[in-house]
């Protein structure tokens, strides 16, 4: 339970950093379906696959991306602990930030888009597929308004995969400028618990 609270606190701290990094995340193309597909593809291949197998740097090297400097990474970091690694990815349908936290096992993908960008249901389907692949039973840990745990309006959904301590999170922050920021995070189990 303590680990899940740390992940929730990290995710919420990340949303509080939104204003500092909004200039790095461009709005999506008019084709929202393509933007959502690309966003989920980076989350799947980057966080759910490469990060879980300690190959996120190799994954990022194969993309059109720019490594974030320590200063840029500090603006994106979810905690005030040692920063991890991060990249800005210029995709075909949008710009994405792919990053890890230095000490806590957490991989995050961030993008911006209109409030009605249809990312939640495809995200849920991807998480269910990943959990099934790893024989995890999903439990909704939290689903509701971000406003009850943050001053920022938005939506937060966290799911836990059992028996290991896997956490999946979806965050949609709704600023006043009409562009939402979407964040997908993944916190894997300790490496000794990974066995498909």
N, C-alpha and C. Protein backbone atom coordinates (compact mmCIF):
# COMPACT_ATOMS: atom_id res chain seq x y z
N UNK A 1 0.82 -1.19 0.00
CA UNK A 1 0.00 0.00 0.00
C UNK A 1 0.87 1.26 0.00
N UNK A 2 2.00 1.21 0.75
CA UNK A 2 2.88 2.37 0.82
C UNK A 2 3.43 2.70 -0.57
N UNK A 3 3.80 1.67 -1.35
CA UNK A 3 4.33 1.88 -2.69
C UNK A 3 3.29 2.55 -3.59
N UNK A 4 2.04 2.14 -3.47
CA UNK A 4 0.98 2.74 -4.28
C UNK A 4 0.76 4.20 -3.89
N UNK A 5 0.89 4.54 -2.61
CA UNK A 5 0.74 5.92 -2.19
C UNK A 5 1.89 6.76 -2.75
N UNK A 6 3.10 6.18 -2.81
CA UNK A 6 4.24 6.90 -3.39
C UNK A 6 3.99 7.16 -4.87
N UNK A 7 3.46 6.16 -5.59
CA UNK A 7 3.17 6.33 -7.01
C UNK A 7 2.09 7.39 -7.20
N UNK A 8 1.04 7.38 -6.37
CA UNK A 8 0.00 8.39 -6.47
C UNK A 8 0.58 9.77 -6.19
N UNK A 9 1.38 9.90 -5.15
CA UNK A 9 1.98 11.19 -4.83
C UNK A 9 2.88 11.67 -5.96
N UNK A 10 3.63 10.75 -6.56
CA UNK A 10 4.50 11.12 -7.68
C UNK A 10 3.68 11.58 -8.88
N UNK A 11 2.61 10.87 -9.16
CA UNK A 11 1.76 11.26 -10.30
C UNK A 11 1.13 12.63 -10.06
N UNK A 12 0.72 12.88 -8.85
CA UNK A 12 0.12 14.17 -8.53
C UNK A 12 1.15 15.29 -8.55
N UNK A 13 2.35 15.00 -8.09
CA UNK A 13 3.41 16.00 -8.16
C UNK A 13 3.72 16.33 -9.61
N UNK A 14 3.64 15.32 -10.46
CA UNK A 14 3.89 15.51 -11.89
C UNK A 14 2.84 16.45 -12.49
N UNK A 15 1.59 16.33 -12.09
CA UNK A 15 0.56 17.21 -12.62
C UNK A 15 0.78 18.64 -12.16
N UNK A 16 1.33 18.81 -10.98
CA UNK A 16 1.58 20.16 -10.48
C UNK A 16 2.66 20.87 -11.28
N UNK A 17 3.51 20.10 -11.97
CA UNK A 17 4.58 20.67 -12.79
C UNK A 17 4.06 21.08 -14.16
N UNK A 18 2.81 20.90 -14.47
CA UNK A 18 2.25 21.11 -15.81
C UNK A 18 2.61 22.45 -16.42
N UNK A 19 2.46 23.51 -15.68
CA UNK A 19 2.71 24.83 -16.23
C UNK A 19 4.15 25.03 -16.65
N UNK A 20 5.08 24.39 -15.99
CA UNK A 20 6.49 24.57 -16.30
C UNK A 20 6.89 23.89 -17.60
N UNK A 21 6.13 22.92 -18.06
CA UNK A 21 6.57 22.21 -19.24
C UNK A 21 5.58 22.28 -20.40
N UNK A 22 4.52 23.02 -20.28
CA UNK A 22 3.51 23.08 -21.34
C UNK A 22 4.10 23.54 -22.66
N UNK A 23 5.14 24.37 -22.62
CA UNK A 23 5.71 24.87 -23.86
C UNK A 23 6.41 23.76 -24.66
N UNK A 24 6.71 22.64 -24.04
CA UNK A 24 7.41 21.56 -24.73
C UNK A 24 6.48 20.55 -25.38
N UNK A 25 5.20 20.64 -25.14
CA UNK A 25 4.27 19.65 -25.65
C UNK A 25 3.31 20.35 -26.60
N UNK A 26 3.38 20.00 -27.88
CA UNK A 26 2.57 20.70 -28.88
C UNK A 26 1.20 20.06 -29.00
N UNK A 27 0.23 20.82 -29.52
CA UNK A 27 -1.11 20.26 -29.68
C UNK A 27 -1.13 19.18 -30.77
N UNK A 28 -2.12 18.32 -30.74
CA UNK A 28 -2.16 17.22 -31.70
C UNK A 28 -2.54 17.67 -33.10
N UNK A 29 -2.36 16.75 -34.02
CA UNK A 29 -2.85 16.99 -35.38
C UNK A 29 -4.37 16.93 -35.34
N UNK A 30 -5.02 17.41 -36.41
CA UNK A 30 -6.49 17.33 -36.43
C UNK A 30 -7.01 15.90 -36.33
N UNK A 31 -6.20 14.94 -36.70
CA UNK A 31 -6.63 13.55 -36.63
C UNK A 31 -6.36 13.00 -35.23
N UNK A 32 -7.34 13.14 -34.35
CA UNK A 32 -7.16 12.70 -32.97
C UNK A 32 -6.94 11.20 -32.84
N UNK A 33 -7.53 10.42 -33.72
CA UNK A 33 -7.34 8.97 -33.66
C UNK A 33 -5.88 8.60 -33.87
N UNK A 34 -5.23 9.25 -34.82
CA UNK A 34 -3.82 8.99 -35.08
C UNK A 34 -2.97 9.44 -33.90
N UNK A 35 -3.33 10.56 -33.30
CA UNK A 35 -2.59 11.06 -32.14
C UNK A 35 -2.71 10.08 -30.96
N UNK A 36 -3.91 9.63 -30.69
CA UNK A 36 -4.12 8.68 -29.59
C UNK A 36 -3.35 7.38 -29.87
N UNK A 37 -3.42 6.88 -31.10
CA UNK A 37 -2.72 5.64 -31.45
C UNK A 37 -1.22 5.79 -31.24
N UNK A 38 -0.66 6.92 -31.64
CA UNK A 38 0.78 7.14 -31.48
C UNK A 38 1.15 7.27 -30.00
N UNK A 39 0.34 7.99 -29.24
CA UNK A 39 0.53 8.16 -27.80
C UNK A 39 0.56 6.80 -27.10
N UNK A 40 -0.43 5.98 -27.40
CA UNK A 40 -0.51 4.65 -26.77
C UNK A 40 0.60 3.73 -27.25
N UNK A 41 1.02 3.88 -28.50
CA UNK A 41 2.12 3.06 -29.02
C UNK A 41 3.42 3.36 -28.28
N UNK A 42 3.69 4.64 -28.03
CA UNK A 42 4.90 5.01 -27.28
C UNK A 42 4.80 4.50 -25.84
N UNK A 43 3.63 4.60 -25.23
CA UNK A 43 3.42 4.08 -23.88
C UNK A 43 3.62 2.56 -23.84
N UNK A 44 3.04 1.87 -24.81
CA UNK A 44 3.14 0.42 -24.87
C UNK A 44 4.58 -0.02 -25.10
N UNK A 45 5.17 0.45 -26.19
CA UNK A 45 6.52 0.00 -26.55
C UNK A 45 7.60 0.58 -25.63
N UNK A 46 7.37 1.80 -25.15
CA UNK A 46 8.36 2.43 -24.27
C UNK A 46 8.24 1.98 -22.83
N UNK A 47 7.08 2.25 -22.22
CA UNK A 47 6.91 1.96 -20.78
C UNK A 47 6.57 0.50 -20.49
N UNK A 48 5.58 -0.04 -21.19
CA UNK A 48 5.11 -1.39 -20.85
C UNK A 48 6.06 -2.48 -21.32
N UNK A 49 6.85 -2.20 -22.36
CA UNK A 49 7.77 -3.22 -22.85
C UNK A 49 9.24 -2.87 -22.56
N UNK A 50 9.77 -1.84 -23.20
CA UNK A 50 11.20 -1.53 -23.07
C UNK A 50 11.60 -1.19 -21.63
N UNK A 51 10.84 -0.33 -20.97
CA UNK A 51 11.18 0.06 -19.60
C UNK A 51 11.14 -1.14 -18.66
N UNK A 52 10.15 -1.96 -18.82
CA UNK A 52 10.02 -3.14 -17.97
C UNK A 52 11.21 -4.08 -18.13
N UNK A 53 11.82 -4.07 -19.31
CA UNK A 53 12.97 -4.95 -19.58
C UNK A 53 14.29 -4.17 -19.58
N UNK A 54 14.28 -3.00 -18.94
CA UNK A 54 15.48 -2.18 -18.76
C UNK A 54 16.14 -1.80 -20.09
N UNK A 55 15.33 -1.48 -21.11
CA UNK A 55 15.87 -1.11 -22.42
C UNK A 55 15.21 0.17 -22.94
N UNK A 56 14.84 1.08 -22.07
CA UNK A 56 14.19 2.30 -22.52
C UNK A 56 15.13 3.17 -23.35
N UNK A 57 16.42 3.20 -23.00
CA UNK A 57 17.39 3.97 -23.78
C UNK A 57 17.49 3.42 -25.19
N UNK A 58 17.50 2.11 -25.34
CA UNK A 58 17.54 1.50 -26.67
C UNK A 58 16.29 1.82 -27.47
N UNK A 59 15.14 1.79 -26.81
CA UNK A 59 13.89 2.14 -27.48
C UNK A 59 13.93 3.58 -27.96
N UNK A 60 14.35 4.50 -27.09
CA UNK A 60 14.39 5.92 -27.44
C UNK A 60 15.39 6.17 -28.57
N UNK A 61 16.49 5.45 -28.59
CA UNK A 61 17.50 5.63 -29.64
C UNK A 61 16.94 5.33 -31.03
N UNK A 62 15.93 4.48 -31.11
CA UNK A 62 15.33 4.13 -32.39
C UNK A 62 14.26 5.10 -32.87
N UNK A 63 14.01 6.15 -32.11
CA UNK A 63 12.97 7.13 -32.46
C UNK A 63 13.59 8.47 -32.85
N UNK A 64 12.78 9.29 -33.50
CA UNK A 64 13.18 10.68 -33.74
C UNK A 64 12.96 11.42 -32.43
N UNK A 65 13.98 11.50 -31.61
CA UNK A 65 13.80 12.16 -30.32
C UNK A 65 15.04 12.92 -29.92
N UNK A 66 14.85 13.76 -28.94
CA UNK A 66 15.94 14.55 -28.40
C UNK A 66 16.04 14.26 -26.92
N UNK A 67 17.22 13.92 -26.46
CA UNK A 67 17.43 13.65 -25.04
C UNK A 67 17.26 14.95 -24.26
N UNK A 68 16.53 14.91 -23.18
CA UNK A 68 16.34 16.07 -22.34
C UNK A 68 17.59 16.30 -21.49
N UNK A 69 17.97 17.55 -21.32
CA UNK A 69 19.10 17.87 -20.45
C UNK A 69 18.65 17.68 -19.00
N UNK A 70 19.60 17.70 -18.09
CA UNK A 70 19.24 17.57 -16.68
C UNK A 70 18.31 18.69 -16.24
N UNK A 71 18.54 19.89 -16.76
CA UNK A 71 17.67 21.02 -16.41
C UNK A 71 16.25 20.81 -16.94
N UNK A 72 16.14 20.38 -18.20
CA UNK A 72 14.82 20.11 -18.77
C UNK A 72 14.15 18.96 -18.04
N UNK A 73 14.93 17.95 -17.72
CA UNK A 73 14.39 16.79 -17.03
C UNK A 73 13.88 17.17 -15.65
N UNK A 74 14.57 18.07 -14.97
CA UNK A 74 14.13 18.51 -13.65
C UNK A 74 12.74 19.16 -13.72
N UNK A 75 12.44 19.85 -14.82
CA UNK A 75 11.11 20.45 -14.99
C UNK A 75 10.03 19.39 -15.17
N UNK A 76 10.43 18.24 -15.65
CA UNK A 76 9.47 17.17 -15.92
C UNK A 76 9.45 16.10 -14.83
N UNK A 77 10.40 16.13 -13.92
CA UNK A 77 10.53 15.07 -12.92
C UNK A 77 9.32 15.03 -12.01
N UNK A 78 8.92 13.80 -11.64
CA UNK A 78 7.74 13.64 -10.79
C UNK A 78 8.06 13.79 -9.31
N UNK A 79 9.33 13.75 -8.96
CA UNK A 79 9.70 13.93 -7.55
C UNK A 79 10.91 14.86 -7.50
N UNK A 80 11.32 15.20 -6.29
CA UNK A 80 12.52 16.03 -6.15
C UNK A 80 13.75 15.16 -5.91
N UNK A 81 13.63 13.87 -6.15
CA UNK A 81 14.76 12.96 -6.01
C UNK A 81 15.63 13.03 -7.27
N UNK A 82 16.65 12.20 -7.31
CA UNK A 82 17.55 12.17 -8.46
C UNK A 82 16.76 11.94 -9.74
N UNK A 83 16.96 12.80 -10.76
CA UNK A 83 16.21 12.63 -12.00
C UNK A 83 16.62 11.36 -12.74
N UNK A 84 15.70 10.86 -13.54
CA UNK A 84 15.99 9.70 -14.36
C UNK A 84 16.44 10.13 -15.74
N UNK A 85 15.82 9.57 -16.76
CA UNK A 85 16.14 9.89 -18.14
C UNK A 85 14.87 10.40 -18.82
N UNK A 86 15.04 11.22 -19.84
CA UNK A 86 13.87 11.71 -20.54
C UNK A 86 14.19 12.13 -21.96
N UNK A 87 13.18 12.03 -22.81
CA UNK A 87 13.32 12.37 -24.22
C UNK A 87 12.08 13.12 -24.69
N UNK A 88 12.28 14.04 -25.62
CA UNK A 88 11.18 14.68 -26.32
C UNK A 88 11.08 14.00 -27.67
N UNK A 89 9.92 13.46 -27.98
CA UNK A 89 9.70 12.72 -29.21
C UNK A 89 8.76 13.53 -30.11
N UNK A 90 9.22 13.85 -31.29
CA UNK A 90 8.37 14.54 -32.27
C UNK A 90 7.80 13.46 -33.19
N UNK A 91 6.55 13.12 -32.94
CA UNK A 91 5.90 12.08 -33.72
C UNK A 91 5.21 12.64 -34.95
N UNK A 92 4.51 11.79 -35.64
CA UNK A 92 3.76 12.22 -36.82
C UNK A 92 2.50 13.00 -36.46
N UNK A 93 1.94 12.71 -35.28
CA UNK A 93 0.66 13.32 -34.89
C UNK A 93 0.75 14.23 -33.67
N UNK A 94 1.91 14.33 -33.04
CA UNK A 94 2.05 15.16 -31.86
C UNK A 94 3.45 15.08 -31.31
N UNK A 95 3.68 15.78 -30.23
CA UNK A 95 4.96 15.76 -29.52
C UNK A 95 4.72 15.10 -28.17
N UNK A 96 5.69 14.31 -27.74
CA UNK A 96 5.54 13.51 -26.52
C UNK A 96 6.78 13.65 -25.67
N UNK A 97 6.60 13.56 -24.36
CA UNK A 97 7.71 13.47 -23.43
C UNK A 97 7.68 12.05 -22.86
N UNK A 98 8.80 11.35 -22.99
CA UNK A 98 8.96 10.01 -22.43
C UNK A 98 10.02 10.13 -21.36
N UNK A 99 9.70 9.72 -20.15
CA UNK A 99 10.66 9.91 -19.06
C UNK A 99 10.51 8.87 -17.96
N UNK A 100 11.60 8.77 -17.18
CA UNK A 100 11.60 7.91 -16.00
C UNK A 100 11.92 8.77 -14.80
N UNK A 101 11.60 8.26 -13.64
CA UNK A 101 11.98 8.90 -12.40
C UNK A 101 13.27 8.23 -11.95
N UNK A 102 14.17 8.97 -11.33
CA UNK A 102 15.48 8.44 -10.98
C UNK A 102 15.48 7.30 -9.99
N UNK A 103 14.75 7.43 -8.90
CA UNK A 103 14.81 6.44 -7.83
C UNK A 103 13.58 5.54 -7.78
N UNK A 104 12.42 6.09 -8.06
CA UNK A 104 11.20 5.29 -8.02
C UNK A 104 10.98 4.65 -9.38
N UNK A 105 10.54 3.40 -9.42
CA UNK A 105 10.30 2.76 -10.72
C UNK A 105 9.03 3.33 -11.36
N UNK A 106 9.20 4.28 -12.24
CA UNK A 106 8.06 4.96 -12.84
C UNK A 106 8.44 5.43 -14.24
N UNK A 107 7.63 5.05 -15.23
CA UNK A 107 7.82 5.48 -16.62
C UNK A 107 6.57 6.25 -17.01
N UNK A 108 6.77 7.41 -17.66
CA UNK A 108 5.65 8.29 -17.99
C UNK A 108 5.76 8.77 -19.43
N UNK A 109 4.61 8.87 -20.10
CA UNK A 109 4.51 9.50 -21.41
C UNK A 109 3.50 10.63 -21.28
N UNK A 110 3.84 11.80 -21.83
CA UNK A 110 3.00 12.98 -21.72
C UNK A 110 2.75 13.53 -23.13
N UNK A 111 1.53 13.99 -23.38
CA UNK A 111 1.21 14.71 -24.61
C UNK A 111 0.11 15.71 -24.30
N UNK A 112 -0.15 16.60 -25.24
CA UNK A 112 -1.22 17.59 -25.07
C UNK A 112 -2.24 17.42 -26.18
N UNK A 113 -3.47 17.79 -25.90
CA UNK A 113 -4.52 17.69 -26.89
C UNK A 113 -5.79 18.34 -26.41
N UNK A 114 -6.81 18.36 -27.27
CA UNK A 114 -8.08 18.95 -26.87
C UNK A 114 -8.75 18.10 -25.78
N UNK A 115 -9.60 18.73 -25.02
CA UNK A 115 -10.26 18.05 -23.90
C UNK A 115 -11.01 16.79 -24.31
N UNK A 116 -11.50 16.77 -25.56
CA UNK A 116 -12.29 15.62 -26.00
C UNK A 116 -11.44 14.56 -26.71
N UNK A 117 -10.13 14.62 -26.59
CA UNK A 117 -9.28 13.62 -27.23
C UNK A 117 -9.63 12.25 -26.65
N UNK A 118 -10.02 11.30 -27.48
CA UNK A 118 -10.53 10.01 -26.98
C UNK A 118 -9.43 9.02 -26.62
N UNK A 119 -8.73 9.29 -25.51
CA UNK A 119 -7.61 8.44 -25.11
C UNK A 119 -7.96 7.44 -24.02
N UNK A 120 -8.98 7.69 -23.21
CA UNK A 120 -9.24 6.86 -22.03
C UNK A 120 -9.61 5.41 -22.37
N UNK A 121 -10.57 5.21 -23.24
CA UNK A 121 -11.00 3.83 -23.55
C UNK A 121 -9.90 3.01 -24.22
N UNK A 122 -9.17 3.56 -25.21
CA UNK A 122 -8.05 2.79 -25.77
C UNK A 122 -6.96 2.50 -24.73
N UNK A 123 -6.74 3.43 -23.81
CA UNK A 123 -5.78 3.20 -22.72
C UNK A 123 -6.24 2.03 -21.86
N UNK A 124 -7.51 2.02 -21.49
CA UNK A 124 -8.03 0.92 -20.67
C UNK A 124 -7.87 -0.42 -21.37
N UNK A 125 -8.13 -0.46 -22.68
CA UNK A 125 -7.98 -1.70 -23.44
C UNK A 125 -6.52 -2.16 -23.47
N UNK A 126 -5.60 -1.23 -23.64
CA UNK A 126 -4.18 -1.56 -23.65
C UNK A 126 -3.73 -2.10 -22.30
N UNK A 127 -4.15 -1.44 -21.22
CA UNK A 127 -3.79 -1.90 -19.88
C UNK A 127 -4.36 -3.29 -19.61
N UNK A 128 -5.60 -3.53 -20.01
CA UNK A 128 -6.21 -4.86 -19.81
C UNK A 128 -5.44 -5.93 -20.58
N UNK A 129 -5.03 -5.62 -21.79
CA UNK A 129 -4.25 -6.56 -22.60
C UNK A 129 -2.89 -6.84 -21.96
N UNK A 130 -2.22 -5.80 -21.49
CA UNK A 130 -0.92 -5.97 -20.85
C UNK A 130 -1.05 -6.80 -19.57
N UNK A 131 -2.06 -6.49 -18.77
CA UNK A 131 -2.28 -7.24 -17.53
C UNK A 131 -2.56 -8.71 -17.82
N UNK A 132 -3.36 -8.98 -18.85
CA UNK A 132 -3.66 -10.37 -19.21
C UNK A 132 -2.40 -11.10 -19.66
N UNK A 133 -1.55 -10.43 -20.41
CA UNK A 133 -0.30 -11.03 -20.87
C UNK A 133 0.58 -11.46 -19.70
N UNK A 134 0.55 -10.70 -18.63
CA UNK A 134 1.38 -10.97 -17.46
C UNK A 134 0.60 -11.66 -16.34
N UNK A 135 -0.60 -12.15 -16.66
CA UNK A 135 -1.43 -12.88 -15.68
C UNK A 135 -1.71 -12.05 -14.43
N UNK A 136 -2.07 -10.79 -14.63
CA UNK A 136 -2.37 -9.90 -13.52
C UNK A 136 -3.87 -9.66 -13.44
N UNK A 137 -4.39 -9.65 -12.24
CA UNK A 137 -5.79 -9.28 -12.02
C UNK A 137 -5.83 -7.78 -11.75
N UNK A 138 -6.59 -7.05 -12.57
CA UNK A 138 -6.67 -5.60 -12.42
C UNK A 138 -7.74 -5.19 -11.41
N UNK A 139 -7.39 -4.21 -10.59
CA UNK A 139 -8.31 -3.63 -9.64
C UNK A 139 -8.23 -2.11 -9.79
N UNK A 140 -9.37 -1.44 -9.88
CA UNK A 140 -9.36 0.01 -9.92
C UNK A 140 -9.01 0.50 -8.52
N UNK A 141 -7.93 1.23 -8.43
CA UNK A 141 -7.48 1.74 -7.15
C UNK A 141 -8.06 3.11 -6.88
N UNK A 142 -8.15 3.93 -7.92
CA UNK A 142 -8.80 5.23 -7.79
C UNK A 142 -9.31 5.63 -9.17
N UNK A 143 -10.48 6.19 -9.22
CA UNK A 143 -11.06 6.69 -10.46
C UNK A 143 -11.94 7.88 -10.10
N UNK A 144 -11.53 9.08 -10.54
CA UNK A 144 -12.35 10.24 -10.23
C UNK A 144 -11.65 11.55 -10.50
N UNK A 145 -12.18 12.58 -9.89
CA UNK A 145 -11.70 13.93 -10.11
C UNK A 145 -10.30 14.13 -9.54
N UNK A 146 -9.48 14.75 -10.33
CA UNK A 146 -8.14 15.12 -9.87
C UNK A 146 -8.24 16.25 -8.85
N UNK A 147 -9.33 17.01 -8.90
CA UNK A 147 -9.50 18.17 -8.02
C UNK A 147 -9.53 17.79 -6.53
N UNK A 148 -9.88 16.57 -6.20
CA UNK A 148 -9.93 16.20 -4.78
C UNK A 148 -8.55 15.96 -4.19
N UNK A 149 -7.54 15.78 -5.05
CA UNK A 149 -6.18 15.56 -4.56
C UNK A 149 -5.19 16.59 -5.11
N UNK A 150 -5.66 17.52 -5.89
CA UNK A 150 -4.81 18.53 -6.49
C UNK A 150 -5.64 19.78 -6.74
N UNK A 151 -4.96 20.91 -6.85
CA UNK A 151 -5.68 22.15 -7.17
C UNK A 151 -6.01 22.23 -8.65
N UNK A 152 -5.46 21.34 -9.44
CA UNK A 152 -5.71 21.34 -10.87
C UNK A 152 -6.96 20.54 -11.20
N UNK A 153 -7.82 21.06 -12.04
CA UNK A 153 -8.98 20.27 -12.45
C UNK A 153 -8.55 19.18 -13.44
N UNK A 154 -9.20 18.06 -13.38
CA UNK A 154 -8.87 16.97 -14.29
C UNK A 154 -9.41 15.65 -13.82
N UNK A 155 -8.88 14.59 -14.42
CA UNK A 155 -9.35 13.24 -14.13
C UNK A 155 -8.14 12.35 -13.86
N UNK A 156 -8.26 11.47 -12.88
CA UNK A 156 -7.20 10.52 -12.53
C UNK A 156 -7.80 9.13 -12.42
N UNK A 157 -7.14 8.18 -13.05
CA UNK A 157 -7.55 6.79 -12.93
C UNK A 157 -6.30 5.96 -12.67
N UNK A 158 -6.32 5.19 -11.59
CA UNK A 158 -5.21 4.31 -11.25
C UNK A 158 -5.74 2.90 -11.10
N UNK A 159 -4.98 1.96 -11.69
CA UNK A 159 -5.32 0.56 -11.57
C UNK A 159 -4.10 -0.20 -11.05
N UNK A 160 -4.37 -1.22 -10.26
CA UNK A 160 -3.30 -2.05 -9.72
C UNK A 160 -3.42 -3.45 -10.29
N UNK A 161 -2.28 -4.02 -10.64
CA UNK A 161 -2.25 -5.40 -11.12
C UNK A 161 -1.73 -6.31 -10.03
N UNK A 162 -2.48 -7.35 -9.70
CA UNK A 162 -2.10 -8.29 -8.64
C UNK A 162 -1.86 -9.66 -9.27
N UNK A 163 -0.98 -10.47 -8.73
CA UNK A 163 -0.44 -10.44 -7.38
C UNK A 163 0.79 -9.54 -7.22
N UNK A 164 1.45 -9.12 -8.28
CA UNK A 164 2.59 -8.22 -8.12
C UNK A 164 2.08 -6.79 -7.94
N UNK A 165 2.96 -5.90 -7.64
CA UNK A 165 2.55 -4.51 -7.38
C UNK A 165 2.78 -3.64 -8.60
N UNK A 166 2.03 -3.87 -9.65
CA UNK A 166 2.09 -3.09 -10.88
C UNK A 166 1.03 -1.99 -10.77
N UNK A 167 1.37 -0.77 -11.15
CA UNK A 167 0.42 0.32 -11.13
C UNK A 167 0.38 1.00 -12.50
N UNK A 168 -0.81 1.20 -13.02
CA UNK A 168 -1.05 1.91 -14.28
C UNK A 168 -1.85 3.16 -13.94
N UNK A 169 -1.49 4.30 -14.53
CA UNK A 169 -2.22 5.53 -14.25
C UNK A 169 -2.52 6.31 -15.52
N UNK A 170 -3.70 6.92 -15.54
CA UNK A 170 -4.13 7.81 -16.62
C UNK A 170 -4.49 9.13 -15.96
N UNK A 171 -3.89 10.23 -16.43
CA UNK A 171 -4.19 11.54 -15.88
C UNK A 171 -4.52 12.48 -17.03
N UNK A 172 -5.59 13.21 -16.89
CA UNK A 172 -5.95 14.25 -17.84
C UNK A 172 -6.12 15.54 -17.05
N UNK A 173 -5.21 16.48 -17.27
CA UNK A 173 -5.24 17.77 -16.58
C UNK A 173 -5.94 18.77 -17.49
N UNK A 174 -6.88 19.51 -16.94
CA UNK A 174 -7.69 20.44 -17.72
C UNK A 174 -7.38 21.89 -17.34
N UNK A 175 -6.39 22.49 -18.00
CA UNK A 175 -6.09 23.89 -17.71
C UNK A 175 -7.11 24.81 -18.35
N UNK A 176 -7.01 26.09 -18.07
CA UNK A 176 -8.00 27.03 -18.58
C UNK A 176 -7.80 27.39 -20.05
N UNK A 177 -6.66 27.00 -20.65
CA UNK A 177 -6.40 27.37 -22.04
C UNK A 177 -7.09 26.47 -23.05
N UNK A 178 -7.83 25.45 -22.60
CA UNK A 178 -8.57 24.58 -23.50
C UNK A 178 -7.80 23.37 -24.00
N UNK A 179 -6.49 23.33 -23.79
CA UNK A 179 -5.69 22.17 -24.16
C UNK A 179 -5.47 21.30 -22.94
N UNK A 180 -5.81 20.05 -23.03
CA UNK A 180 -5.55 19.14 -21.92
C UNK A 180 -4.14 18.58 -22.04
N UNK A 181 -3.62 18.18 -20.89
CA UNK A 181 -2.38 17.42 -20.88
C UNK A 181 -2.74 16.02 -20.43
N UNK A 182 -2.28 15.04 -21.20
CA UNK A 182 -2.56 13.63 -20.92
C UNK A 182 -1.27 12.96 -20.50
N UNK A 183 -1.35 12.19 -19.41
CA UNK A 183 -0.18 11.49 -18.88
C UNK A 183 -0.54 10.04 -18.63
N UNK A 184 0.30 9.15 -19.12
CA UNK A 184 0.16 7.73 -18.86
C UNK A 184 1.41 7.29 -18.11
N UNK A 185 1.22 6.65 -16.96
CA UNK A 185 2.37 6.19 -16.19
C UNK A 185 2.28 4.69 -15.96
N UNK A 186 3.43 4.11 -15.74
CA UNK A 186 3.55 2.68 -15.47
C UNK A 186 4.60 2.49 -14.40
N UNK A 187 4.24 1.80 -13.35
CA UNK A 187 5.18 1.45 -12.30
C UNK A 187 5.22 -0.07 -12.21
N UNK A 188 6.33 -0.68 -12.70
CA UNK A 188 6.41 -2.14 -12.76
C UNK A 188 6.70 -2.76 -11.40
N UNK A 189 6.58 -4.07 -11.34
CA UNK A 189 6.92 -4.77 -10.10
C UNK A 189 8.45 -4.84 -9.99
N UNK A 190 8.96 -5.20 -8.82
CA UNK A 190 10.39 -5.45 -8.72
C UNK A 190 10.79 -6.51 -9.75
N UNK A 191 11.98 -6.40 -10.31
CA UNK A 191 12.43 -7.25 -11.40
C UNK A 191 12.32 -8.75 -11.09
N UNK A 192 12.51 -9.13 -9.85
CA UNK A 192 12.43 -10.56 -9.50
C UNK A 192 11.01 -11.10 -9.60
N UNK A 193 9.99 -10.22 -9.68
CA UNK A 193 8.61 -10.69 -9.79
C UNK A 193 8.13 -10.82 -11.23
N UNK A 194 8.96 -10.41 -12.21
CA UNK A 194 8.52 -10.44 -13.61
C UNK A 194 8.66 -11.86 -14.17
N UNK A 195 7.52 -12.44 -14.54
CA UNK A 195 7.53 -13.77 -15.16
C UNK A 195 6.25 -13.97 -15.94
N UNK A 196 6.30 -13.79 -17.28
CA UNK A 196 5.06 -13.92 -18.07
C UNK A 196 4.55 -15.36 -18.10
